[in-house]
Protein backbone atom coordinates (compact mmCIF):
# COMPACT_ATOMS: atom_id res chain seq x y z
CA MET A 1 -26.77 -12.30 -8.27
CA ILE A 2 -27.06 -10.13 -11.33
CA ALA A 3 -24.44 -7.38 -10.81
CA VAL A 4 -22.04 -5.77 -8.34
CA THR A 5 -21.79 -2.00 -8.14
CA LYS A 6 -18.90 -0.29 -6.32
CA ARG A 7 -19.80 2.98 -4.64
CA MET A 8 -17.57 5.29 -2.54
CA ILE A 9 -18.91 6.15 0.91
CA PHE A 10 -15.72 7.66 2.37
CA GLY A 11 -12.65 9.01 0.58
CA ASP A 12 -12.04 10.08 -2.97
CA ALA A 13 -10.55 7.04 -4.72
CA GLU A 14 -11.57 5.99 -8.18
CA PRO A 15 -14.23 3.22 -8.16
CA SER A 16 -11.77 0.87 -9.89
CA GLN A 17 -9.35 1.28 -6.92
CA VAL A 18 -11.91 0.48 -4.19
CA SER A 19 -10.88 -2.61 -2.25
CA THR A 20 -11.80 -4.27 1.03
CA THR A 21 -8.38 -5.89 1.42
CA GLY A 22 -7.29 -3.68 4.32
CA VAL A 23 -10.49 -4.26 6.28
CA GLU A 24 -10.44 -8.00 5.66
CA ARG A 25 -6.78 -8.25 6.77
CA THR A 26 -7.57 -6.39 10.01
CA GLN A 27 -10.52 -8.67 10.71
CA LEU A 28 -8.43 -11.77 10.04
CA SER A 29 -5.73 -10.58 12.43
CA SER A 30 -8.37 -9.98 15.10
CA ARG A 31 -9.94 -13.42 14.61
CA GLN A 32 -6.54 -15.13 14.73
CA SER A 33 -5.57 -13.54 18.05
CA ASN A 34 -9.00 -13.38 19.72
CA GLY A 35 -10.80 -16.72 19.96
CA ARG A 36 -13.99 -15.00 21.09
CA LEU A 37 -14.54 -13.68 17.57
CA VAL A 38 -14.59 -17.19 16.10
CA ARG A 39 -17.91 -19.01 15.99
CA LYS A 40 -18.37 -22.58 17.19
CA THR A 41 -15.42 -22.66 19.57
CA LEU A 42 -15.22 -23.13 23.33
CA SER A 43 -14.16 -19.50 23.75
CA PHE A 44 -17.14 -18.01 21.89
CA SER A 45 -18.55 -15.04 23.88
CA LYS A 46 -22.07 -15.41 25.17
CA LYS A 47 -22.09 -12.04 26.95
CA ARG A 48 -21.46 -8.80 25.08
CA GLU A 49 -19.48 -7.30 28.00
CA MET A 50 -16.97 -10.14 27.94
CA LEU A 51 -16.61 -9.82 24.16
CA GLU A 52 -15.92 -6.09 24.52
CA TRP A 53 -13.26 -6.70 27.20
CA ALA A 54 -11.60 -9.40 25.08
CA CYS A 55 -11.57 -7.13 22.02
CA ALA A 56 -10.11 -4.25 24.04
CA TRP A 57 -7.34 -6.53 25.38
CA GLU A 58 -6.59 -7.85 21.88
CA ASP A 59 -6.33 -4.29 20.53
CA LEU A 60 -4.04 -3.31 23.41
CA VAL A 61 -1.73 -6.28 22.91
CA TYR A 62 -1.59 -5.81 19.12
CA ASN A 63 -0.80 -2.10 19.32
CA PHE A 64 1.69 -2.16 22.22
CA ALA A 65 3.20 -5.65 22.49
CA HIS A 66 3.13 -7.11 18.97
CA ALA A 67 6.03 -6.11 16.73
CA VAL A 68 4.69 -5.84 13.18
CA LYS A 69 7.11 -6.98 10.49
CA THR A 70 6.10 -4.30 7.99
CA LEU A 71 6.82 -1.53 10.53
CA ARG A 72 10.37 -2.58 11.43
CA LEU A 73 13.29 -0.24 10.71
CA ARG A 74 16.54 -1.22 9.04
CA VAL A 75 19.54 -0.67 11.35
CA GLN A 76 23.15 -1.79 11.25
CA GLN A 77 24.21 -2.53 14.81
CA GLY A 78 26.62 -5.44 14.78
CA ARG A 79 24.73 -8.56 13.76
CA ARG A 80 21.38 -6.86 14.23
CA LYS A 81 19.76 -5.71 10.97
CA TRP A 82 16.24 -4.74 12.04
CA GLN A 83 14.64 -2.81 14.89
CA PRO A 84 11.21 -4.24 15.72
CA ARG A 85 8.36 -1.74 16.05
CA THR A 86 4.75 -1.84 17.16
CA PRO A 87 1.99 0.37 15.72
CA THR A 88 2.23 2.67 18.76
CA MET A 89 5.99 3.00 18.24
CA ALA A 90 5.42 3.88 14.58
CA VAL A 91 3.20 6.84 15.53
CA GLY A 92 5.47 7.92 18.40
CA LEU A 93 3.31 7.03 21.42
CA THR A 94 5.90 4.74 23.00
CA ASP A 95 9.59 3.97 22.61
CA HIS A 96 9.68 0.20 23.18
CA VAL A 97 7.80 -3.04 22.63
CA TRP A 98 5.79 -3.62 25.80
CA SER A 99 5.69 -6.97 27.57
CA ILE A 100 2.39 -8.55 28.58
CA LYS A 101 3.41 -8.02 32.20
CA GLU A 102 3.88 -4.27 31.54
CA LEU A 103 0.45 -4.08 29.94
CA ASP A 104 -1.15 -5.96 32.80
CA GLU A 105 0.45 -3.77 35.48
CA PHE A 106 -0.09 -0.40 33.77
CA HIS A 107 -2.62 1.89 35.42
CA VAL A 108 -4.18 4.71 33.43
CA PRO A 109 -3.64 8.02 35.28
CA GLN A 110 -6.84 9.61 36.55
CA LYS A 111 -7.78 13.10 35.36
CA ALA A 112 -7.49 15.77 38.04
């Protein structure tokens, strides 16, 4: 390798501020919770359809059932200091952390 050149494709940040940290963190989280994204394991996906279903389930669980530490809110209710929040709670799509059973039993309403 001779040189590395940073070039903006999206956004308007200065070239010195361009970083892949956010993307890499998201990919690491996905690999940690979805074994099908990891090569050379027993759960490696051989069929694209199964990989897509596994990725959709992982996204659903992360966004609805996984309380993210950086999104929690400080509260003072007795001994409780923090209110856990999921990404969907942070944007106002839901009001509670869903259980896996709730996710499994939820049926998307059909359009009329």
